[in-house]
mmCIF file of all heavy atoms, coordinates in Angstrom:
data_MODEL
# 
_entry.id   MODEL 
# 
loop_
_atom_site.group_PDB 
_atom_site.id 
_atom_site.type_symbol 
_atom_site.label_atom_id 
_atom_site.label_alt_id 
_atom_site.label_comp_id 
_atom_site.label_asym_id 
_atom_site.label_entity_id 
_atom_site.label_seq_id 
_atom_site.pdbx_PDB_ins_code 
_atom_site.Cartn_x 
_atom_site.Cartn_y 
_atom_site.Cartn_z 
_atom_site.occupancy 
_atom_site.B_iso_or_equiv 
_atom_site.pdbx_formal_charge 
_atom_site.auth_seq_id 
_atom_site.auth_comp_id 
_atom_site.auth_asym_id 
_atom_site.auth_atom_id 
_atom_site.pdbx_PDB_model_num 
ATOM 1   N N   . THR A 1 1  ? 0.830  -1.215  0.000   1.00 0.00 ? 1  THR A N   1 
ATOM 2   C CA  . THR A 1 1  ? 0.000  0.000   0.000   1.00 0.00 ? 1  THR A CA  1 
ATOM 3   C C   . THR A 1 1  ? 0.862  1.262   0.000   1.00 0.00 ? 1  THR A C   1 
ATOM 4   O O   . THR A 1 1  ? 0.404  2.326   -0.399  1.00 0.00 ? 1  THR A O   1 
ATOM 5   C CB  . THR A 1 1  ? -0.950 0.033   1.217   1.00 0.00 ? 1  THR A CB  1 
ATOM 6   O OG1 . THR A 1 1  ? -0.182 0.129   2.419   1.00 0.00 ? 1  THR A OG1 1 
ATOM 7   C CG2 . THR A 1 1  ? -1.826 -1.202  1.265   1.00 0.00 ? 1  THR A CG2 1 
ATOM 8   N N   . GLU A 1 2  ? 2.115  1.128   0.450   1.00 0.00 ? 2  GLU A N   1 
ATOM 9   C CA  . GLU A 1 2  ? 3.039  2.264   0.461   1.00 0.00 ? 2  GLU A CA  1 
ATOM 10  C C   . GLU A 1 2  ? 3.798  2.383   -0.860  1.00 0.00 ? 2  GLU A C   1 
ATOM 11  O O   . GLU A 1 2  ? 4.681  3.235   -0.997  1.00 0.00 ? 2  GLU A O   1 
ATOM 12  C CB  . GLU A 1 2  ? 4.028  2.126   1.624   1.00 0.00 ? 2  GLU A CB  1 
ATOM 13  C CG  . GLU A 1 2  ? 3.358  2.197   2.994   1.00 0.00 ? 2  GLU A CG  1 
ATOM 14  C CD  . GLU A 1 2  ? 4.335  1.923   4.130   1.00 0.00 ? 2  GLU A CD  1 
ATOM 15  O OE1 . GLU A 1 2  ? 5.575  1.939   3.868   1.00 0.00 ? 2  GLU A OE1 1 
ATOM 16  O OE2 . GLU A 1 2  ? 3.887  1.683   5.265   1.00 0.00 ? 2  GLU A OE2 1 
ATOM 17  N N   . GLY A 1 3  ? 3.483  1.518   -1.806  1.00 0.00 ? 3  GLY A N   1 
ATOM 18  C CA  . GLY A 1 3  ? 4.095  1.622   -3.133  1.00 0.00 ? 3  GLY A CA  1 
ATOM 19  C C   . GLY A 1 3  ? 5.313  0.762   -3.358  1.00 0.00 ? 3  GLY A C   1 
ATOM 20  O O   . GLY A 1 3  ? 6.000  0.912   -4.382  1.00 0.00 ? 3  GLY A O   1 
ATOM 21  N N   . TYR A 1 4  ? 5.598  -0.144  -2.447  1.00 0.00 ? 4  TYR A N   1 
ATOM 22  C CA  . TYR A 1 4  ? 6.771  -1.015  -2.614  1.00 0.00 ? 4  TYR A CA  1 
ATOM 23  C C   . TYR A 1 4  ? 6.445  -2.207  -3.503  1.00 0.00 ? 4  TYR A C   1 
ATOM 24  O O   . TYR A 1 4  ? 5.354  -2.761  -3.435  1.00 0.00 ? 4  TYR A O   1 
ATOM 25  C CB  . TYR A 1 4  ? 7.264  -1.521  -1.257  1.00 0.00 ? 4  TYR A CB  1 
ATOM 26  C CG  . TYR A 1 4  ? 8.110  -0.517  -0.521  1.00 0.00 ? 4  TYR A CG  1 
ATOM 27  C CD1 . TYR A 1 4  ? 7.525  0.438   0.303   1.00 0.00 ? 4  TYR A CD1 1 
ATOM 28  C CD2 . TYR A 1 4  ? 9.494  -0.503  -0.667  1.00 0.00 ? 4  TYR A CD2 1 
ATOM 29  C CE1 . TYR A 1 4  ? 8.289  1.383   0.973   1.00 0.00 ? 4  TYR A CE1 1 
ATOM 30  C CE2 . TYR A 1 4  ? 10.267 0.436   -0.005  1.00 0.00 ? 4  TYR A CE2 1 
ATOM 31  C CZ  . TYR A 1 4  ? 9.665  1.366   0.814   1.00 0.00 ? 4  TYR A CZ  1 
ATOM 32  O OH  . TYR A 1 4  ? 10.430 2.294   1.457   1.00 0.00 ? 4  TYR A OH  1 
ATOM 33  N N   . THR A 1 5  ? 7.405  -2.597  -4.335  1.00 0.00 ? 5  THR A N   1 
ATOM 34  C CA  . THR A 1 5  ? 7.328  -3.835  -5.092  1.00 0.00 ? 5  THR A CA  1 
ATOM 35  C C   . THR A 1 5  ? 7.952  -4.932  -4.242  1.00 0.00 ? 5  THR A C   1 
ATOM 36  O O   . THR A 1 5  ? 9.088  -4.801  -3.777  1.00 0.00 ? 5  THR A O   1 
ATOM 37  C CB  . THR A 1 5  ? 8.093  -3.712  -6.420  1.00 0.00 ? 5  THR A CB  1 
ATOM 38  O OG1 . THR A 1 5  ? 7.477  -2.702  -7.223  1.00 0.00 ? 5  THR A OG1 1 
ATOM 39  C CG2 . THR A 1 5  ? 8.079  -5.029  -7.186  1.00 0.00 ? 5  THR A CG2 1 
ATOM 40  N N   . ILE A 1 6  ? 7.199  -6.018  -4.013  1.00 0.00 ? 6  ILE A N   1 
ATOM 41  C CA  . ILE A 1 6  ? 7.661  -7.095  -3.146  1.00 0.00 ? 6  ILE A CA  1 
ATOM 42  C C   . ILE A 1 6  ? 8.390  -8.126  -4.006  1.00 0.00 ? 6  ILE A C   1 
ATOM 43  O O   . ILE A 1 6  ? 7.793  -8.785  -4.853  1.00 0.00 ? 6  ILE A O   1 
ATOM 44  C CB  . ILE A 1 6  ? 6.488  -7.756  -2.402  1.00 0.00 ? 6  ILE A CB  1 
ATOM 45  C CG1 . ILE A 1 6  ? 5.569  -6.681  -1.784  1.00 0.00 ? 6  ILE A CG1 1 
ATOM 46  C CG2 . ILE A 1 6  ? 7.002  -8.722  -1.346  1.00 0.00 ? 6  ILE A CG2 1 
ATOM 47  C CD1 . ILE A 1 6  ? 6.254  -5.756  -0.806  1.00 0.00 ? 6  ILE A CD1 1 
ATOM 48  N N   . ILE A 1 7  ? 9.688  -8.252  -3.782  1.00 0.00 ? 7  ILE A N   1 
ATOM 49  C CA  . ILE A 1 7  ? 10.553 -9.090  -4.610  1.00 0.00 ? 7  ILE A CA  1 
ATOM 50  C C   . ILE A 1 7  ? 11.068 -10.266 -3.789  1.00 0.00 ? 7  ILE A C   1 
ATOM 51  O O   . ILE A 1 7  ? 11.704 -10.075 -2.744  1.00 0.00 ? 7  ILE A O   1 
ATOM 52  C CB  . ILE A 1 7  ? 11.750 -8.279  -5.141  1.00 0.00 ? 7  ILE A CB  1 
ATOM 53  C CG1 . ILE A 1 7  ? 11.256 -7.044  -5.916  1.00 0.00 ? 7  ILE A CG1 1 
ATOM 54  C CG2 . ILE A 1 7  ? 12.665 -9.150  -6.001  1.00 0.00 ? 7  ILE A CG2 1 
ATOM 55  C CD1 . ILE A 1 7  ? 12.319 -5.995  -6.128  1.00 0.00 ? 7  ILE A CD1 1 
ATOM 56  N N   . GLY A 1 8  ? 10.779 -11.472 -4.249  1.00 0.00 ? 8  GLY A N   1 
ATOM 57  C CA  . GLY A 1 8  ? 11.286 -12.661 -3.582  1.00 0.00 ? 8  GLY A CA  1 
ATOM 58  C C   . GLY A 1 8  ? 12.539 -13.178 -4.257  1.00 0.00 ? 8  GLY A C   1 
ATOM 59  O O   . GLY A 1 8  ? 12.622 -13.170 -5.488  1.00 0.00 ? 8  GLY A O   1 
ATOM 60  N N   . VAL A 1 9  ? 13.502 -13.593 -3.449  1.00 0.00 ? 9  VAL A N   1 
ATOM 61  C CA  . VAL A 1 9  ? 14.708 -14.205 -4.000  1.00 0.00 ? 9  VAL A CA  1 
ATOM 62  C C   . VAL A 1 9  ? 14.447 -15.710 -4.010  1.00 0.00 ? 9  VAL A C   1 
ATOM 63  O O   . VAL A 1 9  ? 14.611 -16.393 -3.004  1.00 0.00 ? 9  VAL A O   1 
ATOM 64  C CB  . VAL A 1 9  ? 15.943 -13.871 -3.144  1.00 0.00 ? 9  VAL A CB  1 
ATOM 65  C CG1 . VAL A 1 9  ? 17.209 -14.388 -3.811  1.00 0.00 ? 9  VAL A CG1 1 
ATOM 66  C CG2 . VAL A 1 9  ? 16.040 -12.376 -2.925  1.00 0.00 ? 9  VAL A CG2 1 
ATOM 67  N N   . GLU A 1 10 ? 13.999 -16.212 -5.142  1.00 0.00 ? 10 GLU A N   1 
ATOM 68  C CA  . GLU A 1 10 ? 13.557 -17.604 -5.206  1.00 0.00 ? 10 GLU A CA  1 
ATOM 69  C C   . GLU A 1 10 ? 13.541 -18.092 -6.639  1.00 0.00 ? 10 GLU A C   1 
ATOM 70  O O   . GLU A 1 10 ? 13.301 -17.314 -7.574  1.00 0.00 ? 10 GLU A O   1 
ATOM 71  C CB  . GLU A 1 10 ? 12.147 -17.715 -4.617  1.00 0.00 ? 10 GLU A CB  1 
ATOM 72  C CG  . GLU A 1 10 ? 11.666 -19.128 -4.352  1.00 0.00 ? 10 GLU A CG  1 
ATOM 73  C CD  . GLU A 1 10 ? 12.516 -19.874 -3.342  1.00 0.00 ? 10 GLU A CD  1 
ATOM 74  O OE1 . GLU A 1 10 ? 12.258 -19.772 -2.133  1.00 0.00 ? 10 GLU A OE1 1 
ATOM 75  O OE2 . GLU A 1 10 ? 13.458 -20.557 -3.796  1.00 0.00 ? 10 GLU A OE2 1 
ATOM 76  N N   . GLN A 1 11 ? 13.820 -19.379 -6.805  1.00 0.00 ? 11 GLN A N   1 
ATOM 77  C CA  . GLN A 1 11 ? 13.737 -20.003 -8.123  1.00 0.00 ? 11 GLN A CA  1 
ATOM 78  C C   . GLN A 1 11 ? 12.328 -20.562 -8.307  1.00 0.00 ? 11 GLN A C   1 
ATOM 79  O O   . GLN A 1 11 ? 11.920 -21.483 -7.602  1.00 0.00 ? 11 GLN A O   1 
ATOM 80  C CB  . GLN A 1 11 ? 14.766 -21.136 -8.237  1.00 0.00 ? 11 GLN A CB  1 
ATOM 81  C CG  . GLN A 1 11 ? 16.203 -20.668 -8.140  1.00 0.00 ? 11 GLN A CG  1 
ATOM 82  C CD  . GLN A 1 11 ? 17.198 -21.826 -8.086  1.00 0.00 ? 11 GLN A CD  1 
ATOM 83  O OE1 . GLN A 1 11 ? 16.820 -22.967 -7.916  1.00 0.00 ? 11 GLN A OE1 1 
ATOM 84  N NE2 . GLN A 1 11 ? 18.474 -21.507 -8.236  1.00 0.00 ? 11 GLN A NE2 1 
ATOM 85  N N   . THR A 1 12 ? 11.577 -19.969 -9.228  1.00 0.00 ? 12 THR A N   1 
ATOM 86  C CA  . THR A 1 12 ? 10.226 -20.448 -9.524  1.00 0.00 ? 12 THR A CA  1 
ATOM 87  C C   . THR A 1 12 ? 10.069 -20.564 -11.044 1.00 0.00 ? 12 THR A C   1 
ATOM 88  O O   . THR A 1 12 ? 10.943 -20.128 -11.802 1.00 0.00 ? 12 THR A O   1 
ATOM 89  C CB  . THR A 1 12 ? 9.146  -19.497 -8.976  1.00 0.00 ? 12 THR A CB  1 
ATOM 90  O OG1 . THR A 1 12 ? 9.204  -18.262 -9.701  1.00 0.00 ? 12 THR A OG1 1 
ATOM 91  C CG2 . THR A 1 12 ? 9.338  -19.225 -7.495  1.00 0.00 ? 12 THR A CG2 1 
ATOM 92  N N   . ALA A 1 13 ? 8.937  -21.099 -11.458 1.00 0.00 ? 13 ALA A N   1 
ATOM 93  C CA  . ALA A 1 13 ? 8.691  -21.267 -12.898 1.00 0.00 ? 13 ALA A CA  1 
ATOM 94  C C   . ALA A 1 13 ? 8.620  -19.925 -13.618 1.00 0.00 ? 13 ALA A C   1 
ATOM 95  O O   . ALA A 1 13 ? 8.911  -19.832 -14.811 1.00 0.00 ? 13 ALA A O   1 
ATOM 96  C CB  . ALA A 1 13 ? 7.395  -22.047 -13.112 1.00 0.00 ? 13 ALA A CB  1 
ATOM 97  N N   . LYS A 1 14 ? 8.254  -18.858 -12.895 1.00 0.00 ? 14 LYS A N   1 
ATOM 98  C CA  . LYS A 1 14 ? 8.077  -17.548 -13.519 1.00 0.00 ? 14 LYS A CA  1 
ATOM 99  C C   . LYS A 1 14 ? 9.094  -16.516 -13.037 1.00 0.00 ? 14 LYS A C   1 
ATOM 100 O O   . LYS A 1 14 ? 8.902  -15.316 -13.242 1.00 0.00 ? 14 LYS A O   1 
ATOM 101 C CB  . LYS A 1 14 ? 6.658  -17.034 -13.254 1.00 0.00 ? 14 LYS A CB  1 
ATOM 102 C CG  . LYS A 1 14 ? 5.557  -17.910 -13.852 1.00 0.00 ? 14 LYS A CG  1 
ATOM 103 C CD  . LYS A 1 14 ? 4.184  -17.322 -13.584 1.00 0.00 ? 14 LYS A CD  1 
ATOM 104 C CE  . LYS A 1 14 ? 3.077  -18.172 -14.202 1.00 0.00 ? 14 LYS A CE  1 
ATOM 105 N NZ  . LYS A 1 14 ? 1.731  -17.616 -13.934 1.00 0.00 ? 14 LYS A NZ  1 
ATOM 106 N N   . SER A 1 15 ? 10.150 -16.961 -12.388 1.00 0.00 ? 15 SER A N   1 
ATOM 107 C CA  . SER A 1 15 ? 11.110 -16.005 -11.849 1.00 0.00 ? 15 SER A CA  1 
ATOM 108 C C   . SER A 1 15 ? 11.921 -15.341 -12.960 1.00 0.00 ? 15 SER A C   1 
ATOM 109 O O   . SER A 1 15 ? 12.163 -15.924 -14.010 1.00 0.00 ? 15 SER A O   1 
ATOM 110 C CB  . SER A 1 15 ? 12.048 -16.689 -10.846 1.00 0.00 ? 15 SER A CB  1 
ATOM 111 O OG  . SER A 1 15 ? 12.709 -17.767 -11.452 1.00 0.00 ? 15 SER A OG  1 
ATOM 112 N N   . PHE A 1 16 ? 12.333 -14.090 -12.695 1.00 0.00 ? 16 PHE A N   1 
ATOM 113 C CA  . PHE A 1 16 ? 13.151 -13.314 -13.618 1.00 0.00 ? 16 PHE A CA  1 
ATOM 114 C C   . PHE A 1 16 ? 14.630 -13.580 -13.347 1.00 0.00 ? 16 PHE A C   1 
ATOM 115 O O   . PHE A 1 16 ? 15.048 -13.742 -12.207 1.00 0.00 ? 16 PHE A O   1 
ATOM 116 C CB  . PHE A 1 16 ? 12.885 -11.810 -13.456 1.00 0.00 ? 16 PHE A CB  1 
ATOM 117 C CG  . PHE A 1 16 ? 11.607 -11.343 -14.085 1.00 0.00 ? 16 PHE A CG  1 
ATOM 118 C CD1 . PHE A 1 16 ? 10.387 -11.516 -13.418 1.00 0.00 ? 16 PHE A CD1 1 
ATOM 119 C CD2 . PHE A 1 16 ? 11.593 -10.727 -15.323 1.00 0.00 ? 16 PHE A CD2 1 
ATOM 120 C CE1 . PHE A 1 16 ? 9.203  -11.084 -13.981 1.00 0.00 ? 16 PHE A CE1 1 
ATOM 121 C CE2 . PHE A 1 16 ? 10.414 -10.294 -15.899 1.00 0.00 ? 16 PHE A CE2 1 
ATOM 122 C CZ  . PHE A 1 16 ? 9.216  -10.479 -15.226 1.00 0.00 ? 16 PHE A CZ  1 
ATOM 123 N N   . ASP A 1 17 ? 15.406 -13.572 -14.391 1.00 0.00 ? 17 ASP A N   1 
ATOM 124 C CA  . ASP A 1 17 ? 16.855 -13.652 -14.272 1.00 0.00 ? 17 ASP A CA  1 
ATOM 125 C C   . ASP A 1 17 ? 17.356 -12.315 -13.719 1.00 0.00 ? 17 ASP A C   1 
ATOM 126 O O   . ASP A 1 17 ? 16.966 -11.246 -14.192 1.00 0.00 ? 17 ASP A O   1 
ATOM 127 C CB  . ASP A 1 17 ? 17.461 -13.911 -15.657 1.00 0.00 ? 17 ASP A CB  1 
ATOM 128 C CG  . ASP A 1 17 ? 18.954 -14.212 -15.593 1.00 0.00 ? 17 ASP A CG  1 
ATOM 129 O OD1 . ASP A 1 17 ? 19.691 -13.440 -14.961 1.00 0.00 ? 17 ASP A OD1 1 
ATOM 130 O OD2 . ASP A 1 17 ? 19.365 -15.222 -16.189 1.00 0.00 ? 17 ASP A OD2 1 
ATOM 131 N N   . LEU A 1 18 ? 18.224 -12.367 -12.703 1.00 0.00 ? 18 LEU A N   1 
ATOM 132 C CA  . LEU A 1 18 ? 18.731 -11.146 -12.090 1.00 0.00 ? 18 LEU A CA  1 
ATOM 133 C C   . LEU A 1 18 ? 19.385 -10.220 -13.103 1.00 0.00 ? 18 LEU A C   1 
ATOM 134 O O   . LEU A 1 18 ? 19.284 -8.997  -12.989 1.00 0.00 ? 18 LEU A O   1 
ATOM 135 C CB  . LEU A 1 18 ? 19.731 -11.497 -10.977 1.00 0.00 ? 18 LEU A CB  1 
ATOM 136 C CG  . LEU A 1 18 ? 20.437 -10.326 -10.290 1.00 0.00 ? 18 LEU A CG  1 
ATOM 137 C CD1 . LEU A 1 18 ? 19.430 -9.385  -9.627  1.00 0.00 ? 18 LEU A CD1 1 
ATOM 138 C CD2 . LEU A 1 18 ? 21.436 -10.834 -9.264  1.00 0.00 ? 18 LEU A CD2 1 
ATOM 139 N N   . THR A 1 19 ? 20.036 -10.782 -14.111 1.00 0.00 ? 19 THR A N   1 
ATOM 140 C CA  . THR A 1 19 ? 20.742 -9.950  -15.092 1.00 0.00 ? 19 THR A CA  1 
ATOM 141 C C   . THR A 1 19 ? 19.779 -9.192  -16.002 1.00 0.00 ? 19 THR A C   1 
ATOM 142 O O   . THR A 1 19 ? 20.194 -8.280  -16.718 1.00 0.00 ? 19 THR A O   1 
ATOM 143 C CB  . THR A 1 19 ? 21.669 -10.815 -15.969 1.00 0.00 ? 19 THR A CB  1 
ATOM 144 O OG1 . THR A 1 19 ? 20.885 -11.781 -16.684 1.00 0.00 ? 19 THR A OG1 1 
ATOM 145 C CG2 . THR A 1 19 ? 22.702 -11.529 -15.117 1.00 0.00 ? 19 THR A CG2 1 
ATOM 146 N N   . GLU A 1 20 ? 18.489 -9.568  -15.968 1.00 0.00 ? 20 GLU A N   1 
ATOM 147 C CA  . GLU A 1 20 ? 17.506 -8.922  -16.847 1.00 0.00 ? 20 GLU A CA  1 
ATOM 148 C C   . GLU A 1 20 ? 16.454 -8.135  -16.069 1.00 0.00 ? 20 GLU A C   1 
ATOM 149 O O   . GLU A 1 20 ? 15.575 -7.521  -16.679 1.00 0.00 ? 20 GLU A O   1 
ATOM 150 C CB  . GLU A 1 20 ? 16.807 -9.996  -17.697 1.00 0.00 ? 20 GLU A CB  1 
ATOM 151 C CG  . GLU A 1 20 ? 17.775 -10.776 -18.581 1.00 0.00 ? 20 GLU A CG  1 
ATOM 152 C CD  . GLU A 1 20 ? 17.102 -11.953 -19.275 1.00 0.00 ? 20 GLU A CD  1 
ATOM 153 O OE1 . GLU A 1 20 ? 15.918 -12.224 -18.954 1.00 0.00 ? 20 GLU A OE1 1 
ATOM 154 O OE2 . GLU A 1 20 ? 17.753 -12.599 -20.120 1.00 0.00 ? 20 GLU A OE2 1 
ATOM 155 N N   . TYR A 1 21 ? 16.551 -8.150  -14.746 1.00 0.00 ? 21 TYR A N   1 
ATOM 156 C CA  . TYR A 1 21 ? 15.508 -7.508  -13.944 1.00 0.00 ? 21 TYR A CA  1 
ATOM 157 C C   . TYR A 1 21 ? 15.891 -6.069  -13.611 1.00 0.00 ? 21 TYR A C   1 
ATOM 158 O O   . TYR A 1 21 ? 17.018 -5.785  -13.209 1.00 0.00 ? 21 TYR A O   1 
ATOM 159 C CB  . TYR A 1 21 ? 15.265 -8.285  -12.651 1.00 0.00 ? 21 TYR A CB  1 
ATOM 160 C CG  . TYR A 1 21 ? 14.139 -7.705  -11.840 1.00 0.00 ? 21 TYR A CG  1 
ATOM 161 C CD1 . TYR A 1 21 ? 12.819 -7.780  -12.279 1.00 0.00 ? 21 TYR A CD1 1 
ATOM 162 C CD2 . TYR A 1 21 ? 14.396 -7.054  -10.640 1.00 0.00 ? 21 TYR A CD2 1 
ATOM 163 C CE1 . TYR A 1 21 ? 11.785 -7.227  -11.544 1.00 0.00 ? 21 TYR A CE1 1 
ATOM 164 C CE2 . TYR A 1 21 ? 13.363 -6.503  -9.897  1.00 0.00 ? 21 TYR A CE2 1 
ATOM 165 C CZ  . TYR A 1 21 ? 12.063 -6.590  -10.354 1.00 0.00 ? 21 TYR A CZ  1 
ATOM 166 O OH  . TYR A 1 21 ? 11.040 -6.032  -9.623  1.00 0.00 ? 21 TYR A OH  1 
ATOM 167 N N   . CYS A 1 22 ? 14.940 -5.178  -13.771 1.00 0.00 ? 22 CYS A N   1 
ATOM 168 C CA  . CYS A 1 22 ? 15.137 -3.758  -13.435 1.00 0.00 ? 22 CYS A CA  1 
ATOM 169 C C   . CYS A 1 22 ? 14.420 -3.458  -12.126 1.00 0.00 ? 22 CYS A C   1 
ATOM 170 O O   . CYS A 1 22 ? 13.192 -3.527  -12.059 1.00 0.00 ? 22 CYS A O   1 
ATOM 171 C CB  . CYS A 1 22 ? 14.606 -2.879  -14.569 1.00 0.00 ? 22 CYS A CB  1 
ATOM 172 S SG  . CYS A 1 22 ? 14.873 -1.120  -14.300 1.00 0.00 ? 22 CYS A SG  1 
ATOM 173 N N   . PHE A 1 23 ? 15.168 -3.127  -11.101 1.00 0.00 ? 23 PHE A N   1 
ATOM 174 C CA  . PHE A 1 23 ? 14.589 -2.887  -9.786  1.00 0.00 ? 23 PHE A CA  1 
ATOM 175 C C   . PHE A 1 23 ? 13.842 -1.559  -9.739  1.00 0.00 ? 23 PHE A C   1 
ATOM 176 O O   . PHE A 1 23 ? 14.395 -0.522  -10.129 1.00 0.00 ? 23 PHE A O   1 
ATOM 177 C CB  . PHE A 1 23 ? 15.684 -2.860  -8.715  1.00 0.00 ? 23 PHE A CB  1 
ATOM 178 C CG  . PHE A 1 23 ? 16.217 -4.204  -8.354  1.00 0.00 ? 23 PHE A CG  1 
ATOM 179 C CD1 . PHE A 1 23 ? 17.278 -4.758  -9.062  1.00 0.00 ? 23 PHE A CD1 1 
ATOM 180 C CD2 . PHE A 1 23 ? 15.676 -4.927  -7.301  1.00 0.00 ? 23 PHE A CD2 1 
ATOM 181 C CE1 . PHE A 1 23 ? 17.782 -6.006  -8.727  1.00 0.00 ? 23 PHE A CE1 1 
ATOM 182 C CE2 . PHE A 1 23 ? 16.171 -6.171  -6.953  1.00 0.00 ? 23 PHE A CE2 1 
ATOM 183 C CZ  . PHE A 1 23 ? 17.226 -6.714  -7.669  1.00 0.00 ? 23 PHE A CZ  1 
ATOM 184 N N   . PRO A 1 24 ? 12.600 -1.555  -9.239  1.00 0.00 ? 24 PRO A N   1 
ATOM 185 C CA  . PRO A 1 24 ? 11.923 -0.279  -8.976  1.00 0.00 ? 24 PRO A CA  1 
ATOM 186 C C   . PRO A 1 24 ? 12.641 0.449   -7.841  1.00 0.00 ? 24 PRO A C   1 
ATOM 187 O O   . PRO A 1 24 ? 13.340 -0.172  -7.027  1.00 0.00 ? 24 PRO A O   1 
ATOM 188 C CB  . PRO A 1 24 ? 10.515 -0.705  -8.542  1.00 0.00 ? 24 PRO A CB  1 
ATOM 189 C CG  . PRO A 1 24 ? 10.377 -2.126  -8.954  1.00 0.00 ? 24 PRO A CG  1 
ATOM 190 C CD  . PRO A 1 24 ? 11.756 -2.709  -8.930  1.00 0.00 ? 24 PRO A CD  1 
ATOM 191 N N   . GLU A 1 25 ? 12.466 1.754   -7.790  1.00 0.00 ? 25 GLU A N   1 
ATOM 192 C CA  . GLU A 1 25 ? 13.122 2.522   -6.725  1.00 0.00 ? 25 GLU A CA  1 
ATOM 193 C C   . GLU A 1 25 ? 12.682 2.032   -5.348  1.00 0.00 ? 25 GLU A C   1 
ATOM 194 O O   . GLU A 1 25 ? 13.497 1.845   -4.453  1.00 0.00 ? 25 GLU A O   1 
ATOM 195 C CB  . GLU A 1 25 ? 12.802 4.013   -6.874  1.00 0.00 ? 25 GLU A CB  1 
ATOM 196 C CG  . GLU A 1 25 ? 13.504 4.858   -5.816  1.00 0.00 ? 25 GLU A CG  1 
ATOM 197 C CD  . GLU A 1 25 ? 13.181 6.332   -5.957  1.00 0.00 ? 25 GLU A CD  1 
ATOM 198 O OE1 . GLU A 1 25 ? 12.401 6.688   -6.847  1.00 0.00 ? 25 GLU A OE1 1 
ATOM 199 O OE2 . GLU A 1 25 ? 13.706 7.121   -5.156  1.00 0.00 ? 25 GLU A OE2 1 
# 
């Protein structure tokens, strides 16, 4: 609700590769 993107460090079927992920502020 405060505008944070909740990012899990986990290997899942839909997880993003760290080298391709752009972190929100």
